[in-house]
Amino acid sequence: MGSLDKSQEYVISKFLQRYDYDAVLDVLDEAGIIEGDLYLLMESSKYAVNFDFKKALASINKMSEQMLSRREINKLINNLNNLNVGEPEDILSELIENMKIQIVNEEYIDFLGRLYRLKEALFKYIFVSTKESKACKICMHGYMVSKKNILYTLKKKYNIYNGNLIHGVTQYINRYVRKTKRMDKVVEILNSESLENLIKLRNESPVGHGFKGVSKEEIEEIYGNPMEVVQDLVKVCELLDLGIKMNKYDNINEMAIHMIGSYNNH
């Protein structure tokens, strides 16, 4: 088993603050730590932040019996299973966590890309969850929430002819969904002018259809602090009765810091 010196521990803690699990794995490799629970936890996290939940789960499942009996690890396994089957609360929580990580790392183009995905995912969820088929379980993977299926259903069943999913579902909400204060607030936040303007920035960037860069200042000018965008989206989820779990990766990092202690060579 390899060991870590003080400077390597410090470097790892810095990388953890940025959720850079790839870099943590590099430091562990250098220190001769190429297996064991800490390595597997970091490997799993590297896959998870890139939405490869199958590989993330496979890494966690290789951990020692002692770790697998811990409550936090069980929660993580549960979460990864839910992500693999497209459980809405877990998928939306993961997207929000991902946005948070991109803000920390000042990756604003990717942040706006995720924002667009999340907005679209929320409209898909609203549509599927308010249709008559309330009894069926909603899965965020597959045909049920595909753009193609939703646009087709809007056209055939509700006479809404709109090639834009967000506009189409907004029309559907206005016409067919029972008026409640909560739903009004959801639509108000999601279709606010400031959020629309952020989406426009995204469209002009490389993750949209253009080549323009995006700065924190531009986001602040339109919306305020980028974290406010995240808070508003969490609020939308809560209004839709979706339990959003924040701090998944902060909890993982805390676990990793504790585990690093056992590799001390001083």
C-alpha atoms as a PDB file:
ATOM      1  CA  MET A   1       0.000   0.000   0.000  1.00  0.00           C
ATOM      2  CA  GLY A   2       1.371   3.412  -0.958  1.00  0.00           C
ATOM      3  CA  SER A   3       1.465   6.413   1.331  1.00  0.00           C
ATOM      4  CA  LEU A   4       0.880  10.165   1.126  1.00  0.00           C
ATOM      5  CA  ASP A   5       3.123  12.920   2.435  1.00  0.00           C
ATOM      6  CA  LYS A   6       1.884  16.271   3.741  1.00  0.00           C
ATOM      7  CA  SER A   7       2.311  18.079   0.416  1.00  0.00           C
ATOM      8  CA  GLN A   8       0.354  15.391  -1.477  1.00  0.00           C
ATOM      9  CA  GLU A   9      -2.420  15.576   1.109  1.00  0.00           C
ATOM     10  CA  TYR A  10      -2.546  19.342   0.647  1.00  0.00           C
ATOM     11  CA  VAL A  11      -2.683  19.035  -3.155  1.00  0.00           C
ATOM     12  CA  ILE A  12      -5.489  16.454  -2.915  1.00  0.00           C
ATOM     13  CA  SER A  13      -7.520  18.698  -0.612  1.00  0.00           C
ATOM     14  CA  LYS A  14      -7.147  21.534  -3.147  1.00  0.00           C
ATOM     15  CA  PHE A  15      -8.315  19.313  -6.018  1.00  0.00           C
ATOM     16  CA  LEU A  16     -11.262  18.104  -3.927  1.00  0.00           C
ATOM     17  CA  GLN A  17     -12.359  21.712  -3.429  1.00  0.00           C
ATOM     18  CA  ARG A  18     -12.676  21.879  -7.231  1.00  0.00           C
ATOM     19  CA  TYR A  19     -14.249  18.410  -7.489  1.00  0.00           C
ATOM     20  CA  ASP A  20     -11.373  17.441  -9.792  1.00  0.00           C
ATOM     21  CA  TYR A  21     -11.374  13.693  -9.188  1.00  0.00           C
ATOM     22  CA  ASP A  22      -9.198  12.970 -12.223  1.00  0.00           C
ATOM     23  CA  ALA A  23      -6.412  15.052 -10.695  1.00  0.00           C
ATOM     24  CA  VAL A  24      -6.854  13.365  -7.290  1.00  0.00           C
ATOM     25  CA  LEU A  25      -6.448   9.976  -8.984  1.00  0.00           C
ATOM     26  CA  ASP A  26      -3.196  11.217 -10.601  1.00  0.00           C
ATOM     27  CA  VAL A  27      -1.797  12.153  -7.174  1.00  0.00           C
ATOM     28  CA  LEU A  28      -2.853   8.772  -5.736  1.00  0.00           C
ATOM     29  CA  ASP A  29      -1.199   7.009  -8.700  1.00  0.00           C
ATOM     30  CA  GLU A  30       2.060   8.897  -8.051  1.00  0.00           C
ATOM     31  CA  ALA A  31       1.902   7.871  -4.403  1.00  0.00           C
ATOM     32  CA  GLY A  32       1.519   4.203  -5.395  1.00  0.00           C
ATOM     33  CA  ILE A  33      -2.108   4.073  -4.262  1.00  0.00           C
ATOM     34  CA  ILE A  34      -3.742   2.365  -7.215  1.00  0.00           C
ATOM     35  CA  GLU A  35      -6.400   0.346  -5.431  1.00  0.00           C
ATOM     36  CA  GLY A  36      -8.360   0.313  -2.182  1.00  0.00           C
ATOM     37  CA  ASP A  37     -11.391   2.204  -0.933  1.00  0.00           C
ATOM     38  CA  LEU A  38     -10.121   5.760  -1.359  1.00  0.00           C
ATOM     39  CA  TYR A  39      -9.044   5.073  -4.945  1.00  0.00           C
ATOM     40  CA  LEU A  40     -12.384   3.433  -5.772  1.00  0.00           C
ATOM     41  CA  LEU A  41     -14.371   6.296  -4.225  1.00  0.00           C
ATOM     42  CA  MET A  42     -12.449   8.849  -6.309  1.00  0.00           C
ATOM     43  CA  GLU A  43     -12.745   6.721  -9.457  1.00  0.00           C
ATOM     44  CA  SER A  44     -16.493   6.398  -8.918  1.00  0.00           C
ATOM     45  CA  SER A  45     -16.813  10.184  -8.451  1.00  0.00           C
ATOM     46  CA  LYS A  46     -14.800  10.840 -11.620  1.00  0.00           C
ATOM     47  CA  TYR A  47     -17.303   8.748 -13.595  1.00  0.00           C
ATOM     48  CA  ALA A  48     -20.354  10.193 -11.836  1.00  0.00           C
ATOM     49  CA  VAL A  49     -19.523  13.863 -12.521  1.00  0.00           C
ATOM     50  CA  ASN A  50     -19.317  12.843 -16.205  1.00  0.00           C
ATOM     51  CA  PHE A  51     -22.734  11.141 -15.991  1.00  0.00           C
ATOM     52  CA  ASP A  52     -21.300   7.634 -16.438  1.00  0.00           C
ATOM     53  CA  PHE A  53     -23.343   6.190 -13.583  1.00  0.00           C
ATOM     54  CA  LYS A  54     -22.885   2.536 -14.571  1.00  0.00           C
ATOM     55  CA  LYS A  55     -19.106   2.733 -14.213  1.00  0.00           C
ATOM     56  CA  ALA A  56     -19.480   4.865 -11.062  1.00  0.00           C
ATOM     57  CA  LEU A  57     -21.592   2.118  -9.501  1.00  0.00           C
ATOM     58  CA  ALA A  58     -19.189  -0.624 -10.600  1.00  0.00           C
ATOM     59  CA  SER A  59     -16.306   1.165  -8.814  1.00  0.00           C
ATOM     60  CA  ILE A  60     -18.279   1.608  -5.578  1.00  0.00           C
ATOM     61  CA  ASN A  61     -19.354  -2.035  -5.610  1.00  0.00           C
ATOM     62  CA  LYS A  62     -15.670  -3.088  -5.534  1.00  0.00           C
ATOM     63  CA  MET A  63     -15.132  -1.385  -2.156  1.00  0.00           C
ATOM     64  CA  SER A  64     -14.305  -3.372   0.988  1.00  0.00           C
ATOM     65  CA  GLU A  65     -17.050  -5.079   3.009  1.00  0.00           C
ATOM     66  CA  GLN A  66     -16.354  -2.631   5.818  1.00  0.00           C
ATOM     67  CA  MET A  67     -17.053   0.373   3.559  1.00  0.00           C
ATOM     68  CA  LEU A  68     -20.052  -1.248   1.898  1.00  0.00           C
ATOM     69  CA  SER A  69     -21.684  -1.621   5.309  1.00  0.00           C
ATOM     70  CA  ARG A  70     -21.473   2.151   5.943  1.00  0.00           C
ATOM     71  CA  ARG A  71     -24.617   4.230   5.699  1.00  0.00           C
ATOM     72  CA  GLU A  72     -23.068   6.944   3.481  1.00  0.00           C
ATOM     73  CA  ILE A  73     -21.865   4.350   0.981  1.00  0.00           C
ATOM     74  CA  ASN A  74     -25.270   2.691   0.944  1.00  0.00           C
ATOM     75  CA  LYS A  75     -26.868   6.063   0.233  1.00  0.00           C
ATOM     76  CA  LEU A  76     -24.424   6.528  -2.625  1.00  0.00           C
ATOM     77  CA  ILE A  77     -25.202   3.092  -4.093  1.00  0.00           C
ATOM     78  CA  ASN A  78     -28.893   3.855  -3.845  1.00  0.00           C
ATOM     79  CA  ASN A  79     -28.375   7.211  -5.579  1.00  0.00           C
ATOM     80  CA  LEU A  80     -26.349   5.641  -8.423  1.00  0.00           C
ATOM     81  CA  ASN A  81     -28.990   2.938  -8.917  1.00  0.00           C
ATOM     82  CA  ASN A  82     -31.654   5.653  -9.124  1.00  0.00           C
ATOM     83  CA  LEU A  83     -29.571   7.629 -11.624  1.00  0.00           C
ATOM     84  CA  ASN A  84     -29.190   4.537 -13.788  1.00  0.00           C
ATOM     85  CA  VAL A  85     -32.965   4.005 -13.922  1.00  0.00           C
ATOM     86  CA  GLY A  86     -33.730   7.698 -14.513  1.00  0.00           C
ATOM     87  CA  GLU A  87     -35.379   8.596 -11.196  1.00  0.00           C
ATOM     88  CA  PRO A  88     -36.420  12.279 -11.656  1.00  0.00           C
ATOM     89  CA  GLU A  89     -35.306  13.554  -8.219  1.00  0.00           C
ATOM     90  CA  ASP A  90     -31.858  12.000  -8.552  1.00  0.00           C
ATOM     91  CA  ILE A  91     -31.356  13.100 -12.168  1.00  0.00           C
ATOM     92  CA  LEU A  92     -32.393  16.703 -11.457  1.00  0.00           C
ATOM     93  CA  SER A  93     -30.294  16.782  -8.253  1.00  0.00           C
ATOM     94  CA  GLU A  94     -27.293  15.581 -10.261  1.00  0.00           C
ATOM     95  CA  LEU A  95     -27.778  18.271 -12.926  1.00  0.00           C
ATOM     96  CA  ILE A  96     -27.998  20.938 -10.217  1.00  0.00           C
ATOM     97  CA  GLU A  97     -24.876  19.584  -8.438  1.00  0.00           C
ATOM     98  CA  ASN A  98     -23.085  19.629 -11.777  1.00  0.00           C
ATOM     99  CA  MET A  99     -24.011  23.275 -12.336  1.00  0.00           C
ATOM    100  CA  LYS A 100     -22.660  24.086  -8.896  1.00  0.00           C
ATOM    101  CA  ILE A 101     -19.341  22.378  -9.729  1.00  0.00           C
ATOM    102  CA  GLN A 102     -19.081  24.359 -12.966  1.00  0.00           C
ATOM    103  CA  ILE A 103     -19.619  27.631 -11.114  1.00  0.00           C
ATOM    104  CA  VAL A 104     -16.854  26.710  -8.639  1.00  0.00           C
ATOM    105  CA  ASN A 105     -14.523  25.942 -11.560  1.00  0.00           C
ATOM    106  CA  GLU A 106     -15.629  29.029 -13.507  1.00  0.00           C
ATOM    107  CA  GLU A 107     -16.693  26.876 -16.478  1.00  0.00           C
ATOM    108  CA  TYR A 108     -19.484  29.223 -17.473  1.00  0.00           C
ATOM    109  CA  ILE A 109     -20.119  27.885 -20.979  1.00  0.00           C
ATOM    110  CA  ASP A 110     -20.718  24.380 -19.607  1.00  0.00           C
ATOM    111  CA  PHE A 111     -22.769  25.909 -16.789  1.00  0.00           C
ATOM    112  CA  LEU A 112     -25.122  27.480 -19.345  1.00  0.00           C
ATOM    113  CA  GLY A 113     -25.241  24.217 -21.286  1.00  0.00           C
ATOM    114  CA  ARG A 114     -26.402  22.400 -18.148  1.00  0.00           C
ATOM    115  CA  LEU A 115     -28.849  25.217 -17.379  1.00  0.00           C
ATOM    116  CA  TYR A 116     -30.514  24.697 -20.759  1.00  0.00           C
ATOM    117  CA  ARG A 117     -30.647  20.911 -20.198  1.00  0.00           C
ATOM    118  CA  LEU A 118     -32.159  21.395 -16.758  1.00  0.00           C
ATOM    119  CA  LYS A 119     -34.805  23.845 -17.961  1.00  0.00           C
ATOM    120  CA  GLU A 120     -35.789  21.424 -20.734  1.00  0.00           C
ATOM    121  CA  ALA A 121     -35.806  18.471 -18.299  1.00  0.00           C
ATOM    122  CA  LEU A 122     -38.124  20.383 -15.939  1.00  0.00           C
ATOM    123  CA  PHE A 123     -40.584  21.136 -18.742  1.00  0.00           C
ATOM    124  CA  LYS A 124     -40.511  17.480 -19.810  1.00  0.00           C
ATOM    125  CA  TYR A 125     -41.159  16.446 -16.211  1.00  0.00           C
ATOM    126  CA  ILE A 126     -44.073  18.901 -15.858  1.00  0.00           C
ATOM    127  CA  PHE A 127     -45.656  17.610 -19.050  1.00  0.00           C
ATOM    128  CA  VAL A 128     -45.312  13.923 -18.264  1.00  0.00           C
ATOM    129  CA  SER A 129     -46.355  14.344 -14.604  1.00  0.00           C
ATOM    130  CA  THR A 130     -49.503  16.360 -15.355  1.00  0.00           C
ATOM    131  CA  LYS A 131     -50.864  14.208 -18.193  1.00  0.00           C
ATOM    132  CA  GLU A 132     -53.593  11.692 -17.332  1.00  0.00           C
ATOM    133  CA  SER A 133     -51.068   8.889 -17.013  1.00  0.00           C
ATOM    134  CA  LYS A 134     -50.278   9.990 -13.460  1.00  0.00           C
ATOM    135  CA  ALA A 135     -50.286   6.398 -12.257  1.00  0.00           C
ATOM    136  CA  CYS A 136     -47.235   5.439 -14.291  1.00  0.00           C
ATOM    137  CA  LYS A 137     -43.772   5.954 -12.866  1.00  0.00           C
ATOM    138  CA  ILE A 138     -41.801   8.716 -14.495  1.00  0.00           C
ATOM    139  CA  CYS A 139     -38.392   7.846 -15.886  1.00  0.00           C
ATOM    140  CA  MET A 140     -36.095  10.573 -17.200  1.00  0.00           C
ATOM    141  CA  HIS A 141     -34.530   8.167 -19.722  1.00  0.00           C
ATOM    142  CA  GLY A 142     -36.180   6.809 -22.802  1.00  0.00           C
ATOM    143  CA  TYR A 143     -39.170   7.456 -25.018  1.00  0.00           C
ATOM    144  CA  MET A 144     -41.651   8.835 -22.480  1.00  0.00           C
ATOM    145  CA  VAL A 145     -39.665  12.041 -21.947  1.00  0.00           C
ATOM    146  CA  SER A 146     -38.178  12.253 -25.444  1.00  0.00           C
ATOM    147  CA  LYS A 147     -38.691  15.522 -27.284  1.00  0.00           C
ATOM    148  CA  LYS A 148     -40.137  13.608 -30.225  1.00  0.00           C
ATOM    149  CA  ASN A 149     -42.794  11.898 -28.103  1.00  0.00           C
ATOM    150  CA  ILE A 150     -43.774  15.068 -26.223  1.00  0.00           C
ATOM    151  CA  LEU A 151     -44.089  17.208 -29.381  1.00  0.00           C
ATOM    152  CA  TYR A 152     -46.116  14.441 -31.052  1.00  0.00           C
ATOM    153  CA  THR A 153     -48.464  14.133 -28.042  1.00  0.00           C
ATOM    154  CA  LEU A 154     -48.896  17.918 -27.852  1.00  0.00           C
ATOM    155  CA  LYS A 155     -49.893  17.966 -31.518  1.00  0.00           C
ATOM    156  CA  LYS A 156     -52.132  14.881 -31.623  1.00  0.00           C
ATOM    157  CA  LYS A 157     -53.827  15.153 -28.260  1.00  0.00           C
ATOM    158  CA  TYR A 158     -53.785  18.830 -27.381  1.00  0.00           C
ATOM    159  CA  ASN A 159     -53.699  20.560 -30.797  1.00  0.00           C
ATOM    160  CA  ILE A 160     -50.523  22.401 -29.877  1.00  0.00           C
ATOM    161  CA  TYR A 161     -48.367  22.766 -32.958  1.00  0.00           C
ATOM    162  CA  ASN A 162     -45.015  24.022 -31.788  1.00  0.00           C
ATOM    163  CA  GLY A 163     -41.580  22.726 -32.729  1.00  0.00           C
ATOM    164  CA  ASN A 164     -40.083  24.201 -29.574  1.00  0.00           C
ATOM    165  CA  LEU A 165     -40.537  21.897 -26.582  1.00  0.00           C
ATOM    166  CA  ILE A 166     -40.421  24.651 -23.944  1.00  0.00           C
ATOM    167  CA  HIS A 167     -42.899  26.905 -25.778  1.00  0.00           C
ATOM    168  CA  GLY A 168     -45.171  23.951 -26.544  1.00  0.00           C
ATOM    169  CA  VAL A 169     -45.281  22.752 -22.944  1.00  0.00           C
ATOM    170  CA  THR A 170     -45.805  26.344 -21.738  1.00  0.00           C
ATOM    171  CA  GLN A 171     -48.909  26.566 -23.986  1.00  0.00           C
ATOM    172  CA  TYR A 172     -50.067  23.218 -22.641  1.00  0.00           C
ATOM    173  CA  ILE A 173     -49.653  24.420 -19.018  1.00  0.00           C
ATOM    174  CA  ASN A 174     -51.593  27.629 -19.762  1.00  0.00           C
ATOM    175  CA  ARG A 175     -54.471  25.740 -21.364  1.00  0.00           C
ATOM    176  CA  TYR A 176     -54.716  22.414 -19.592  1.00  0.00           C
ATOM    177  CA  VAL A 177     -52.988  22.437 -16.216  1.00  0.00           C
ATOM    178  CA  ARG A 178     -55.005  23.412 -13.171  1.00  0.00           C
ATOM    179  CA  LYS A 179     -54.150  26.948 -12.102  1.00  0.00           C
ATOM    180  CA  THR A 180     -52.256  26.977  -8.807  1.00  0.00           C
ATOM    181  CA  LYS A 181     -49.997  29.570  -7.206  1.00  0.00           C
ATOM    182  CA  ARG A 182     -47.181  27.032  -7.242  1.00  0.00           C
ATOM    183  CA  MET A 183     -47.418  26.259 -10.952  1.00  0.00           C
ATOM    184  CA  ASP A 184     -47.683  29.986 -11.749  1.00  0.00           C
ATOM    185  CA  LYS A 185     -44.471  30.562  -9.796  1.00  0.00           C
ATOM    186  CA  VAL A 186     -42.724  27.648 -11.563  1.00  0.00           C
ATOM    187  CA  VAL A 187     -43.555  29.061 -15.002  1.00  0.00           C
ATOM    188  CA  GLU A 188     -42.685  32.582 -13.878  1.00  0.00           C
ATOM    189  CA  ILE A 189     -39.173  31.511 -12.804  1.00  0.00           C
ATOM    190  CA  LEU A 190     -38.497  29.181 -15.757  1.00  0.00           C
ATOM    191  CA  ASN A 191     -39.757  31.599 -18.407  1.00  0.00           C
ATOM    192  CA  SER A 192     -38.419  34.765 -16.768  1.00  0.00           C
ATOM    193  CA  GLU A 193     -36.725  37.251 -19.033  1.00  0.00           C
ATOM    194  CA  SER A 194     -33.438  36.905 -17.138  1.00  0.00           C
ATOM    195  CA  LEU A 195     -33.374  33.114 -17.540  1.00  0.00           C
ATOM    196  CA  GLU A 196     -34.281  33.518 -21.221  1.00  0.00           C
ATOM    197  CA  ASN A 197     -31.362  35.922 -21.632  1.00  0.00           C
ATOM    198  CA  LEU A 198     -28.984  33.368 -20.089  1.00  0.00           C
ATOM    199  CA  ILE A 199     -30.259  30.786 -22.579  1.00  0.00           C
ATOM    200  CA  LYS A 200     -29.542  33.282 -25.378  1.00  0.00           C
ATOM    201  CA  LEU A 201     -25.958  33.538 -24.115  1.00  0.00           C
ATOM    202  CA  ARG A 202     -25.791  29.741 -24.204  1.00  0.00           C
ATOM    203  CA  ASN A 203     -27.097  29.705 -27.798  1.00  0.00           C
ATOM    204  CA  GLU A 204     -24.346  32.080 -28.919  1.00  0.00           C
ATOM    205  CA  SER A 205     -21.647  29.973 -27.216  1.00  0.00           C
ATOM    206  CA  PRO A 206     -19.862  26.804 -28.454  1.00  0.00           C
ATOM    207  CA  VAL A 207     -22.387  24.562 -26.618  1.00  0.00           C
ATOM    208  CA  GLY A 208     -25.132  26.257 -28.640  1.00  0.00           C
ATOM    209  CA  HIS A 209     -24.720  27.505 -32.191  1.00  0.00           C
ATOM    210  CA  GLY A 210     -21.956  30.095 -31.933  1.00  0.00           C
ATOM    211  CA  PHE A 211     -18.424  30.707 -30.767  1.00  0.00           C
ATOM    212  CA  LYS A 212     -18.796  33.421 -28.154  1.00  0.00           C
ATOM    213  CA  GLY A 213     -17.203  32.994 -24.757  1.00  0.00           C
ATOM    214  CA  VAL A 214     -19.119  33.601 -21.526  1.00  0.00           C
ATOM    215  CA  SER A 215     -17.839  35.518 -18.497  1.00  0.00           C
ATOM    216  CA  LYS A 216     -19.064  35.618 -14.932  1.00  0.00           C
ATOM    217  CA  GLU A 217     -19.664  39.352 -15.365  1.00  0.00           C
ATOM    218  CA  GLU A 218     -22.114  38.737 -18.226  1.00  0.00           C
ATOM    219  CA  ILE A 219     -24.062  36.258 -16.118  1.00  0.00           C
ATOM    220  CA  GLU A 220     -24.074  38.663 -13.167  1.00  0.00           C
ATOM    221  CA  GLU A 221     -25.310  41.492 -15.365  1.00  0.00           C
ATOM    222  CA  ILE A 222     -28.249  39.393 -16.526  1.00  0.00           C
ATOM    223  CA  TYR A 223     -29.120  37.438 -13.391  1.00  0.00           C
ATOM    224  CA  GLY A 224     -26.917  38.262 -10.448  1.00  0.00           C
ATOM    225  CA  ASN A 225     -24.557  35.741  -8.864  1.00  0.00           C
ATOM    226  CA  PRO A 226     -24.570  32.430 -10.824  1.00  0.00           C
ATOM    227  CA  MET A 227     -25.436  30.616  -7.576  1.00  0.00           C
ATOM    228  CA  GLU A 228     -28.729  32.540  -7.550  1.00  0.00           C
ATOM    229  CA  VAL A 229     -29.648  30.753 -10.783  1.00  0.00           C
ATOM    230  CA  VAL A 230     -29.056  27.435  -9.015  1.00  0.00           C
ATOM    231  CA  GLN A 231     -31.109  28.515  -5.983  1.00  0.00           C
ATOM    232  CA  ASP A 232     -34.032  29.528  -8.209  1.00  0.00           C
ATOM    233  CA  LEU A 233     -33.960  26.160  -9.974  1.00  0.00           C
ATOM    234  CA  VAL A 234     -33.924  24.328  -6.645  1.00  0.00           C
ATOM    235  CA  LYS A 235     -36.965  26.415  -5.691  1.00  0.00           C
ATOM    236  CA  VAL A 236     -38.729  25.318  -8.913  1.00  0.00           C
ATOM    237  CA  CYS A 237     -38.060  21.670  -8.040  1.00  0.00           C
ATOM    238  CA  GLU A 238     -39.427  22.171  -4.528  1.00  0.00           C
ATOM    239  CA  LEU A 239     -42.586  23.815  -5.922  1.00  0.00           C
ATOM    240  CA  LEU A 240     -43.006  20.691  -8.089  1.00  0.00           C
ATOM    241  CA  ASP A 241     -42.628  18.507  -4.965  1.00  0.00           C
ATOM    242  CA  LEU A 242     -39.283  17.174  -6.124  1.00  0.00           C
ATOM    243  CA  GLY A 243     -36.876  16.574  -3.253  1.00  0.00           C
ATOM    244  CA  ILE A 244     -33.521  17.912  -4.403  1.00  0.00           C
ATOM    245  CA  LYS A 245     -30.475  16.625  -2.560  1.00  0.00           C
ATOM    246  CA  MET A 246     -27.585  19.050  -2.544  1.00  0.00           C
ATOM    247  CA  ASN A 247     -24.042  18.451  -1.295  1.00  0.00           C
ATOM    248  CA  LYS A 248     -23.568  14.902  -2.608  1.00  0.00           C
ATOM    249  CA  TYR A 249     -19.998  15.629  -3.727  1.00  0.00           C
ATOM    250  CA  ASP A 250     -19.198  17.695  -0.631  1.00  0.00           C
ATOM    251  CA  ASN A 251     -20.131  14.648   1.450  1.00  0.00           C
ATOM    252  CA  ILE A 252     -17.948  12.433  -0.750  1.00  0.00           C
ATOM    253  CA  ASN A 253     -15.046  14.883  -0.326  1.00  0.00           C
ATOM    254  CA  GLU A 254     -15.462  14.840   3.432  1.00  0.00           C
ATOM    255  CA  MET A 255     -15.335  11.041   3.405  1.00  0.00           C
ATOM    256  CA  ALA A 256     -12.213  11.157   1.226  1.00  0.00           C
ATOM    257  CA  ILE A 257     -10.451  13.590   3.605  1.00  0.00           C
ATOM    258  CA  HIS A 258     -11.099  11.186   6.512  1.00  0.00           C
ATOM    259  CA  MET A 259      -9.816   8.234   4.478  1.00  0.00           C
ATOM    260  CA  ILE A 260      -6.637  10.066   3.473  1.00  0.00           C
ATOM    261  CA  GLY A 261      -5.599  10.009   7.148  1.00  0.00           C
ATOM    262  CA  SER A 262      -4.969   6.268   6.935  1.00  0.00           C
ATOM    263  CA  TYR A 263      -2.316   6.772   4.219  1.00  0.00           C
ATOM    264  CA  ASN A 264      -0.111   9.101   6.266  1.00  0.00           C
ATOM    265  CA  ASN A 265       3.580   8.403   6.264  1.00  0.00           C
ATOM    266  CA  HIS A 266       4.530  10.984   8.885  1.00  0.00           C
END
